[in-house]
PDB file of N, CA and C in Angstrom:
ATOM      1  N   ALA A   1       7.664   7.801 -14.816  1.00  0.00           N
ATOM      2  CA  ALA A   1       7.087   6.457 -14.804  1.00  0.00           C
ATOM      3  C   ALA A   1       7.568   5.754 -13.538  1.00  0.00           C
ATOM      4  N   GLY A   2       6.660   5.052 -12.922  1.00  0.00           N
ATOM      5  CA  GLY A   2       7.006   4.336 -11.699  1.00  0.00           C
ATOM      6  C   GLY A   2       6.726   2.870 -11.822  1.00  0.00           C
ATOM      7  N   ARG A   3       7.108   2.126 -10.811  1.00  0.00           N
ATOM      8  CA  ARG A   3       6.924   0.674 -10.821  1.00  0.00           C
ATOM      9  C   ARG A   3       5.459   0.254 -10.858  1.00  0.00           C
ATOM     10  N   LEU A   4       4.581   1.142 -10.412  1.00  0.00           N
ATOM     11  CA  LEU A   4       3.157   0.787 -10.346  1.00  0.00           C
ATOM     12  C   LEU A   4       2.322   1.396 -11.480  1.00  0.00           C
ATOM     13  N   ASP A   5       3.004   1.929 -12.514  1.00  0.00           N
ATOM     14  CA  ASP A   5       2.263   2.499 -13.637  1.00  0.00           C
ATOM     15  C   ASP A   5       1.267   1.481 -14.189  1.00  0.00           C
ATOM     16  N   GLY A   6       0.068   1.930 -14.459  1.00  0.00           N
ATOM     17  CA  GLY A   6      -0.951   1.064 -15.039  1.00  0.00           C
ATOM     18  C   GLY A   6      -1.757   0.282 -13.999  1.00  0.00           C
ATOM     19  N   LYS A   7      -1.335   0.291 -12.786  1.00  0.00           N
ATOM     20  CA  LYS A   7      -2.097  -0.385 -11.708  1.00  0.00           C
ATOM     21  C   LYS A   7      -3.212   0.537 -11.243  1.00  0.00           C
ATOM     22  N   VAL A   8      -4.361  -0.043 -10.894  1.00  0.00           N
ATOM     23  CA  VAL A   8      -5.525   0.770 -10.540  1.00  0.00           C
ATOM     24  C   VAL A   8      -6.016   0.366  -9.154  1.00  0.00           C
ATOM     25  N   MET A   9      -6.319   1.378  -8.343  1.00  0.00           N
ATOM     26  CA  MET A   9      -6.946   1.179  -7.020  1.00  0.00           C
ATOM     27  C   MET A   9      -8.398   1.603  -7.194  1.00  0.00           C
ATOM     28  N   PRO A  10      -9.359   0.677  -7.023  1.00  0.00           N
ATOM     29  CA  PRO A  10     -10.763   1.062  -7.231  1.00  0.00           C
ATOM     30  C   PRO A  10     -11.181   2.158  -6.253  1.00  0.00           C
ATOM     31  N   ALA A  11     -12.114   3.007  -6.680  1.00  0.00           N
ATOM     32  CA  ALA A  11     -12.663   4.024  -5.800  1.00  0.00           C
ATOM     33  C   ALA A  11     -13.249   3.365  -4.569  1.00  0.00           C
ATOM     34  N   GLN A  12     -12.917   3.830  -3.411  1.00  0.00           N
ATOM     35  CA  GLN A  12     -13.362   3.310  -2.137  1.00  0.00           C
ATOM     36  C   GLN A  12     -13.050   1.828  -1.991  1.00  0.00           C
ATOM     37  N   GLY A  13     -11.932   1.410  -2.648  1.00  0.00           N
ATOM     38  CA  GLY A  13     -11.546   0.029  -2.631  1.00  0.00           C
ATOM     39  C   GLY A  13     -10.161  -0.157  -1.991  1.00  0.00           C
ATOM     40  N   TYR A  14      -9.555  -1.259  -2.280  1.00  0.00           N
ATOM     41  CA  TYR A  14      -8.290  -1.659  -1.698  1.00  0.00           C
ATOM     42  C   TYR A  14      -7.260  -1.901  -2.764  1.00  0.00           C
ATOM     43  N   PHE A  15      -5.993  -1.863  -2.365  1.00  0.00           N
ATOM     44  CA  PHE A  15      -4.880  -2.235  -3.239  1.00  0.00           C
ATOM     45  C   PHE A  15      -3.820  -2.803  -2.322  1.00  0.00           C
ATOM     46  N   LEU A  16      -3.510  -4.080  -2.546  1.00  0.00           N
ATOM     47  CA  LEU A  16      -2.566  -4.767  -1.687  1.00  0.00           C
ATOM     48  C   LEU A  16      -1.185  -4.842  -2.347  1.00  0.00           C
ATOM     49  N   LEU A  17      -0.266  -4.155  -1.718  1.00  0.00           N
ATOM     50  CA  LEU A  17       1.138  -4.128  -2.153  1.00  0.00           C
ATOM     51  C   LEU A  17       1.883  -5.033  -1.153  1.00  0.00           C
ATOM     52  N   ALA A  18       2.505  -6.088  -1.659  1.00  0.00           N
ATOM     53  CA  ALA A  18       3.186  -7.045  -0.770  1.00  0.00           C
ATOM     54  C   ALA A  18       4.612  -7.288  -1.257  1.00  0.00           C
ATOM     55  N   HIS A  19       5.465  -7.539  -0.339  1.00  0.00           N
ATOM     56  CA  HIS A  19       6.882  -7.828  -0.665  1.00  0.00           C
ATOM     57  C   HIS A  19       7.013  -9.314  -1.022  1.00  0.00           C
ATOM     58  N   THR A  20       7.773  -9.604  -2.046  1.00  0.00           N
ATOM     59  CA  THR A  20       7.941 -10.987  -2.480  1.00  0.00           C
ATOM     60  C   THR A  20       8.694 -11.813  -1.426  1.00  0.00           C
ATOM     61  N   ASN A  21       9.394 -11.144  -0.561  1.00  0.00           N
ATOM     62  CA  ASN A  21      10.153 -11.849   0.475  1.00  0.00           C
ATOM     63  C   ASN A  21       9.406 -11.769   1.811  1.00  0.00           C
ATOM     64  N   GLY A  22       8.661 -12.774   2.138  1.00  0.00           N
ATOM     65  CA  GLY A  22       8.056 -12.800   3.449  1.00  0.00           C
ATOM     66  C   GLY A  22       6.567 -12.682   3.526  1.00  0.00           C
ATOM     67  N   TYR A  23       5.882 -12.258   2.447  1.00  0.00           N
ATOM     68  CA  TYR A  23       4.434 -12.188   2.489  1.00  0.00           C
ATOM     69  C   TYR A  23       3.856 -13.587   2.433  1.00  0.00           C
ATOM     70  N   THR A  24       3.051 -13.940   3.438  1.00  0.00           N
ATOM     71  CA  THR A  24       2.480 -15.292   3.523  1.00  0.00           C
ATOM     72  C   THR A  24       0.959 -15.265   3.597  1.00  0.00           C
ATOM     73  N   GLY A  25       0.370 -14.119   3.332  1.00  0.00           N
ATOM     74  CA  GLY A  25      -1.093 -14.010   3.433  1.00  0.00           C
ATOM     75  C   GLY A  25      -1.826 -14.838   2.373  1.00  0.00           C
ATOM     76  N   SER A  26      -3.078 -15.117   2.627  1.00  0.00           N
ATOM     77  CA  SER A  26      -3.876 -15.918   1.698  1.00  0.00           C
ATOM     78  C   SER A  26      -4.531 -15.055   0.636  1.00  0.00           C
ATOM     79  N   VAL A  27      -4.591 -13.717   0.837  1.00  0.00           N
ATOM     80  CA  VAL A  27      -5.162 -12.805  -0.110  1.00  0.00           C
ATOM     81  C   VAL A  27      -4.083 -12.460  -1.156  1.00  0.00           C
ATOM     82  N   LEU A  28      -4.437 -12.621  -2.448  1.00  0.00           N
ATOM     83  CA  LEU A  28      -3.491 -12.348  -3.521  1.00  0.00           C
ATOM     84  C   LEU A  28      -3.153 -10.850  -3.601  1.00  0.00           C
ATOM     85  N   PRO A  29      -1.884 -10.498  -3.625  1.00  0.00           N
ATOM     86  CA  PRO A  29      -1.513  -9.093  -3.764  1.00  0.00           C
ATOM     87  C   PRO A  29      -1.889  -8.551  -5.138  1.00  0.00           C
ATOM     88  N   ASP A  30      -2.182  -7.257  -5.208  1.00  0.00           N
ATOM     89  CA  ASP A  30      -2.363  -6.599  -6.497  1.00  0.00           C
ATOM     90  C   ASP A  30      -1.015  -6.338  -7.180  1.00  0.00           C
ATOM     91  N   PHE A  31       0.016  -6.224  -6.351  1.00  0.00           N
ATOM     92  CA  PHE A  31       1.369  -6.009  -6.890  1.00  0.00           C
ATOM     93  C   PHE A  31       2.351  -6.608  -5.923  1.00  0.00           C
ATOM     94  N   LEU A  32       3.304  -7.400  -6.435  1.00  0.00           N
ATOM     95  CA  LEU A  32       4.355  -7.904  -5.613  1.00  0.00           C
ATOM     96  C   LEU A  32       5.606  -6.993  -5.776  1.00  0.00           C
ATOM     97  N   TRP A  33       6.033  -6.436  -4.665  1.00  0.00           N
ATOM     98  CA  TRP A  33       7.201  -5.594  -4.631  1.00  0.00           C
ATOM     99  C   TRP A  33       8.415  -6.482  -4.715  1.00  0.00           C
ATOM    100  N   PRO A  34       9.314  -6.234  -5.715  1.00  0.00           N
ATOM    101  CA  PRO A  34      10.472  -7.138  -5.909  1.00  0.00           C
ATOM    102  C   PRO A  34      11.339  -7.238  -4.679  1.00  0.00           C
ATOM    103  N   GLN A  35      11.901  -8.428  -4.499  1.00  0.00           N
ATOM    104  CA  GLN A  35      12.780  -8.662  -3.340  1.00  0.00           C
ATOM    105  C   GLN A  35      13.971  -7.738  -3.355  1.00  0.00           C
ATOM    106  N   SER A  36      14.414  -7.289  -4.523  1.00  0.00           N
ATOM    107  CA  SER A  36      15.583  -6.435  -4.597  1.00  0.00           C
ATOM    108  C   SER A  36      15.278  -5.006  -4.188  1.00  0.00           C
ATOM    109  N   TYR A  37      14.002  -4.657  -3.980  1.00  0.00           N
ATOM    110  CA  TYR A  37      13.639  -3.302  -3.500  1.00  0.00           C
ATOM    111  C   TYR A  37      12.982  -3.390  -2.165  1.00  0.00           C
ATOM    112  N   ASP A  38      13.148  -2.407  -1.346  1.00  0.00           N
ATOM    113  CA  ASP A  38      12.498  -2.315  -0.048  1.00  0.00           C
ATOM    114  C   ASP A  38      11.808  -0.988   0.095  1.00  0.00           C
ATOM    115  N   LEU A  39      10.637  -0.972   0.674  1.00  0.00           N
ATOM    116  CA  LEU A  39      10.063   0.273   1.159  1.00  0.00           C
ATOM    117  C   LEU A  39      10.629   0.428   2.555  1.00  0.00           C
ATOM    118  N   ALA A  40      11.284   1.499   2.811  1.00  0.00           N
ATOM    119  CA  ALA A  40      11.957   1.695   4.093  1.00  0.00           C
ATOM    120  C   ALA A  40      10.936   1.739   5.199  1.00  0.00           C
ATOM    121  N   TYR A  41      11.283   1.145   6.317  1.00  0.00           N
ATOM    122  CA  TYR A  41      10.451   1.165   7.510  1.00  0.00           C
ATOM    123  C   TYR A  41      10.490   2.542   8.167  1.00  0.00           C
ATOM    124  N   GLU A  42      11.465   3.360   7.821  1.00  0.00           N
ATOM    125  CA  GLU A  42      11.609   4.674   8.419  1.00  0.00           C
ATOM    126  C   GLU A  42      11.675   5.731   7.324  1.00  0.00           C
ATOM    127  N   ASN A  43      11.003   6.865   7.594  1.00  0.00           N
ATOM    128  CA  ASN A  43      11.087   8.060   6.755  1.00  0.00           C
ATOM    129  C   ASN A  43      10.899   7.774   5.288  1.00  0.00           C
ATOM    130  N   ASN A  44       9.719   7.330   4.936  1.00  0.00           N
ATOM    131  CA  ASN A  44       9.409   6.980   3.559  1.00  0.00           C
ATOM    132  C   ASN A  44       8.035   7.495   3.172  1.00  0.00           C
ATOM    133  N   ALA A  45       7.664   7.370   1.896  1.00  0.00           N
ATOM    134  CA  ALA A  45       6.377   7.857   1.428  1.00  0.00           C
ATOM    135  C   ALA A  45       5.941   7.065   0.187  1.00  0.00           C
ATOM    136  N   VAL A  46       4.655   7.037  -0.037  1.00  0.00           N
ATOM    137  CA  VAL A  46       4.035   6.517  -1.246  1.00  0.00           C
ATOM    138  C   VAL A  46       3.109   7.594  -1.769  1.00  0.00           C
ATOM    139  N   LEU A  47       3.200   7.870  -3.105  1.00  0.00           N
ATOM    140  CA  LEU A  47       2.348   8.899  -3.718  1.00  0.00           C
ATOM    141  C   LEU A  47       1.266   8.208  -4.533  1.00  0.00           C
ATOM    142  N   LEU A  48       0.040   8.701  -4.462  1.00  0.00           N
ATOM    143  CA  LEU A  48      -1.063   8.191  -5.260  1.00  0.00           C
ATOM    144  C   LEU A  48      -1.493   9.210  -6.295  1.00  0.00           C
ATOM    145  N   PHE A  49      -1.662   8.768  -7.526  1.00  0.00           N
ATOM    146  CA  PHE A  49      -2.043   9.654  -8.631  1.00  0.00           C
ATOM    147  C   PHE A  49      -3.342   9.218  -9.263  1.00  0.00           C
ATOM    148  N   ASN A  50      -4.104  10.184  -9.825  1.00  0.00           N
ATOM    149  CA  ASN A  50      -5.304   9.824 -10.541  1.00  0.00           C
ATOM    150  C   ASN A  50      -4.932   9.516 -11.994  1.00  0.00           C
ATOM    151  N   PRO A  51      -5.939   9.122 -12.827  1.00  0.00           N
ATOM    152  CA  PRO A  51      -5.604   8.792 -14.213  1.00  0.00           C
ATOM    153  C   PRO A  51      -5.038   9.949 -15.057  1.00  0.00           C
ATOM    154  N   ASN A  52      -5.222  11.200 -14.558  1.00  0.00           N
ATOM    155  CA  ASN A  52      -4.641  12.378 -15.244  1.00  0.00           C
ATOM    156  C   ASN A  52      -3.240  12.682 -14.786  1.00  0.00           C
ATOM    157  N   ASN A  53      -2.645  11.752 -14.016  1.00  0.00           N
ATOM    158  CA  ASN A  53      -1.281  11.897 -13.507  1.00  0.00           C
ATOM    159  C   ASN A  53      -1.168  13.104 -12.563  1.00  0.00           C
ATOM    160  N   GLU A  54      -2.254  13.366 -11.845  1.00  0.00           N
ATOM    161  CA  GLU A  54      -2.254  14.430 -10.814  1.00  0.00           C
ATOM    162  C   GLU A  54      -2.141  13.743  -9.453  1.00  0.00           C
ATOM    163  N   LYS A  55      -1.247  14.227  -8.625  1.00  0.00           N
ATOM    164  CA  LYS A  55      -1.074  13.651  -7.281  1.00  0.00           C
ATOM    165  C   LYS A  55      -2.331  13.945  -6.482  1.00  0.00           C
ATOM    166  N   ILE A  56      -2.950  12.908  -5.945  1.00  0.00           N
ATOM    167  CA  ILE A  56      -4.156  13.086  -5.149  1.00  0.00           C
ATOM    168  C   ILE A  56      -3.941  12.798  -3.669  1.00  0.00           C
ATOM    169  N   GLU A  57      -2.821  12.084  -3.378  1.00  0.00           N
ATOM    170  CA  GLU A  57      -2.538  11.799  -1.985  1.00  0.00           C
ATOM    171  C   GLU A  57      -1.074  11.418  -1.807  1.00  0.00           C
ATOM    172  N   GLU A  58      -0.542  11.775  -0.675  1.00  0.00           N
ATOM    173  CA  GLU A  58       0.795  11.375  -0.313  1.00  0.00           C
ATOM    174  C   GLU A  58       0.733  10.731   1.063  1.00  0.00           C
ATOM    175  N   VAL A  59       1.228   9.533   1.155  1.00  0.00           N
ATOM    176  CA  VAL A  59       1.254   8.800   2.402  1.00  0.00           C
ATOM    177  C   VAL A  59       2.686   8.723   2.876  1.00  0.00           C
ATOM    178  N   SER A  60       2.961   9.247   4.050  1.00  0.00           N
ATOM    179  CA  SER A  60       4.331   9.187   4.560  1.00  0.00           C
ATOM    180  C   SER A  60       4.330   8.694   5.965  1.00  0.00           C
ATOM    181  N   TRP A  61       5.473   8.178   6.394  1.00  0.00           N
ATOM    182  CA  TRP A  61       5.568   7.702   7.756  1.00  0.00           C
ATOM    183  C   TRP A  61       6.962   7.918   8.300  1.00  0.00           C
ATOM    184  N   VAL A  62       7.017   8.058   9.624  1.00  0.00           N
ATOM    185  CA  VAL A  62       8.285   8.194  10.298  1.00  0.00           C
ATOM    186  C   VAL A  62       8.871   6.820  10.584  1.00  0.00           C
ATOM    187  N   GLU A  63       8.027   5.890  11.066  1.00  0.00           N
ATOM    188  CA  GLU A  63       8.489   4.550  11.343  1.00  0.00           C
ATOM    189  C   GLU A  63       7.333   3.585  11.355  1.00  0.00           C
ATOM    190  N   ILE A  64       7.545   2.423  10.728  1.00  0.00           N
ATOM    191  CA  ILE A  64       6.615   1.300  10.816  1.00  0.00           C
ATOM    192  C   ILE A  64       7.473   0.103  11.297  1.00  0.00           C
ATOM    193  N   LEU A  65       7.035  -0.572  12.305  1.00  0.00           N
ATOM    194  CA  LEU A  65       7.795  -1.717  12.827  1.00  0.00           C
ATOM    195  C   LEU A  65       7.729  -2.881  11.842  1.00  0.00           C
ATOM    196  N   GLN A  66       8.778  -3.662  11.753  1.00  0.00           N
ATOM    197  CA  GLN A  66       8.766  -4.831  10.875  1.00  0.00           C
ATOM    198  C   GLN A  66       7.673  -5.789  11.328  1.00  0.00           C
ATOM    199  N   GLY A  67       6.971  -6.379  10.323  1.00  0.00           N
ATOM    200  CA  GLY A  67       5.887  -7.300  10.623  1.00  0.00           C
ATOM    201  C   GLY A  67       4.525  -6.647  10.695  1.00  0.00           C
ATOM    202  N   GLN A  68       4.475  -5.302  10.596  1.00  0.00           N
ATOM    203  CA  GLN A  68       3.216  -4.566  10.590  1.00  0.00           C
ATOM    204  C   GLN A  68       2.908  -4.130   9.189  1.00  0.00           C
ATOM    205  N   SER A  69       1.640  -3.726   8.976  1.00  0.00           N
ATOM    206  CA  SER A  69       1.283  -3.137   7.690  1.00  0.00           C
ATOM    207  C   SER A  69       0.834  -1.690   7.962  1.00  0.00           C
ATOM    208  N   TYR A  70       0.653  -0.963   6.895  1.00  0.00           N
ATOM    209  CA  TYR A  70       0.206   0.433   6.974  1.00  0.00           C
ATOM    210  C   TYR A  70      -1.095   0.503   6.180  1.00  0.00           C
ATOM    211  N   GLU A  71      -2.195   0.765   6.861  1.00  0.00           N
ATOM    212  CA  GLU A  71      -3.528   0.707   6.269  1.00  0.00           C
ATOM    213  C   GLU A  71      -4.191   2.058   6.335  1.00  0.00           C
ATOM    214  N   ARG A  72      -5.002   2.310   5.309  1.00  0.00           N
ATOM    215  CA  ARG A  72      -5.823   3.526   5.333  1.00  0.00           C
ATOM    216  C   ARG A  72      -7.126   3.216   6.039  1.00  0.00           C
ATOM    217  N   GLN A  73      -7.540   4.117   6.893  1.00  0.00           N
ATOM    218  CA  GLN A  73      -8.809   3.955   7.596  1.00  0.00           C
ATOM    219  C   GLN A  73      -9.915   4.347   6.641  1.00  0.00           C
ATOM    220  N   PRO A  74     -10.974   3.525   6.508  1.00  0.00           N
ATOM    221  CA  PRO A  74     -12.028   3.768   5.564  1.00  0.00           C
ATOM    222  C   PRO A  74     -12.774   5.104   5.783  1.00  0.00           C
ATOM    223  N   LEU A  75     -12.987   5.824   4.713  1.00  0.00           N
ATOM    224  CA  LEU A  75     -13.817   7.035   4.677  1.00  0.00           C
ATOM    225  C   LEU A  75     -13.428   8.075   5.701  1.00  0.00           C
ATOM    226  N   THR A  76     -12.160   8.173   6.059  1.00  0.00           N
ATOM    227  CA  THR A  76     -11.781   9.199   7.018  1.00  0.00           C
ATOM    228  C   THR A  76     -10.689  10.107   6.462  1.00  0.00           C
ATOM    229  N   GLY A  77     -10.704  10.333   5.153  1.00  0.00           N
ATOM    230  CA  GLY A  77      -9.691  11.182   4.575  1.00  0.00           C
ATOM    231  C   GLY A  77      -8.395  10.412   4.410  1.00  0.00           C
ATOM    232  N   ASN A  78      -7.258  11.117   4.626  1.00  0.00           N
ATOM    233  CA  ASN A  78      -5.996  10.478   4.379  1.00  0.00           C
ATOM    234  C   ASN A  78      -5.355  10.006   5.693  1.00  0.00           C
ATOM    235  N   GLN A  79      -6.090   9.335   6.520  1.00  0.00           N
ATOM    236  CA  GLN A  79      -5.570   8.848   7.779  1.00  0.00           C
ATOM    237  C   GLN A  79      -5.096   7.412   7.602  1.00  0.00           C
ATOM    238  N   PHE A  80      -3.758   7.205   7.696  1.00  0.00           N
ATOM    239  CA  PHE A  80      -3.161   5.913   7.590  1.00  0.00           C
ATOM    240  C   PHE A  80      -2.577   5.551   8.962  1.00  0.00           C
ATOM    241  N   VAL A  81      -2.730   4.316   9.335  1.00  0.00           N
ATOM    242  CA  VAL A  81      -2.228   3.846  10.625  1.00  0.00           C
ATOM    243  C   VAL A  81      -1.534   2.525  10.500  1.00  0.00           C
ATOM    244  N   PRO A  82      -0.489   2.283  11.311  1.00  0.00           N
ATOM    245  CA  PRO A  82       0.134   0.975  11.326  1.00  0.00           C
ATOM    246  C   PRO A  82      -0.789  -0.059  11.940  1.00  0.00           C
ATOM    247  N   GLN A  83      -0.769  -1.272  11.446  1.00  0.00           N
ATOM    248  CA  GLN A  83      -1.583  -2.349  11.984  1.00  0.00           C
ATOM    249  C   GLN A  83      -0.668  -3.472  12.490  1.00  0.00           C
ATOM    250  N   ALA A  84      -0.737  -3.777  13.772  1.00  0.00           N
ATOM    251  CA  ALA A  84       0.072  -4.868  14.332  1.00  0.00           C
ATOM    252  C   ALA A  84      -0.437  -6.216  13.861  1.00  0.00           C
ATOM    253  N   ASN A  85      -1.748  -6.318  13.616  1.00  0.00           N
ATOM    254  CA  ASN A  85      -2.359  -7.540  13.091  1.00  0.00           C
ATOM    255  C   ASN A  85      -2.976  -7.232  11.737  1.00  0.00           C
ATOM    256  N   PRO A  86      -2.169  -7.274  10.667  1.00  0.00           N
ATOM    257  CA  PRO A  86      -2.686  -6.871   9.335  1.00  0.00           C
ATOM    258  C   PRO A  86      -3.861  -7.734   8.910  1.00  0.00           C
ATOM    259  N   ASN A  87      -4.767  -7.071   8.164  1.00  0.00           N
ATOM    260  CA  ASN A  87      -5.918  -7.718   7.563  1.00  0.00           C
ATOM    261  C   ASN A  87      -5.884  -7.457   6.060  1.00  0.00           C
ATOM    262  N   PRO A  88      -5.035  -8.200   5.323  1.00  0.00           N
ATOM    263  CA  PRO A  88      -4.851  -7.875   3.899  1.00  0.00           C
ATOM    264  C   PRO A  88      -6.127  -7.939   3.082  1.00  0.00           C
ATOM    265  N   GLN A  89      -6.303  -6.949   2.216  1.00  0.00           N
ATOM    266  CA  GLN A  89      -7.410  -6.896   1.268  1.00  0.00           C
ATOM    267  C   GLN A  89      -6.890  -6.397  -0.053  1.00  0.00           C
ATOM    268  N   ASN A  90      -7.369  -6.963  -1.159  1.00  0.00           N
ATOM    269  CA  ASN A  90      -6.857  -6.534  -2.459  1.00  0.00           C
ATOM    270  C   ASN A  90      -7.967  -5.834  -3.247  1.00  0.00           C
ATOM    271  N   SER A  91      -7.697  -5.498  -4.473  1.00  0.00           N
ATOM    272  CA  SER A  91      -8.643  -4.737  -5.282  1.00  0.00           C
ATOM    273  C   SER A  91      -9.915  -5.517  -5.609  1.00  0.00           C
ATOM    274  N   GLN A  92      -9.875  -6.826  -5.354  1.00  0.00           N
ATOM    275  CA  GLN A  92     -11.071  -7.669  -5.572  1.00  0.00           C
ATOM    276  C   GLN A  92     -11.929  -7.754  -4.306  1.00  0.00           C
ATOM    277  N   SER A  93     -11.425  -7.265  -3.183  1.00  0.00           N
ATOM    278  CA  SER A  93     -12.181  -7.289  -1.907  1.00  0.00           C
ATOM    279  C   SER A  93     -13.314  -6.313  -1.933  1.00  0.00           C
ATOM    280  N   GLN A  94     -14.412  -6.670  -1.344  1.00  0.00           N
ATOM    281  CA  GLN A  94     -15.598  -5.788  -1.300  1.00  0.00           C
ATOM    282  C   GLN A  94     -15.756  -5.230   0.105  1.00  0.00           C
TER     283      GLN A  94
END
C-alpha cells in the first residue's frame, strides 16, 4: 500500500501531485504531498499501477532542478521531461 492508494489518473488525462510546502499554483492538486516527505530531486522514481495492481509505468529521473516540474509528454509513450515553466493540470483538466 502506498500514499496514493485509491487515487485515479484518468486515461489520457492528468494527475497533479503537489508539495504542501511551496506550491502556489491556481490549479487544485489531485494530491498534496505532505511537507514531512520529499520526492528527491536526484535519483528517484514514481511507479504507476493499473486497477489490477500491475505496474504499467515507471518514471525515474537523475536530476530535476528545484522550481521545475516533471511532465509527461502527451501521446508519446513514457517520455517525461522537466519543465522550467510548469503548466499545472489536474484530473479535472481537459
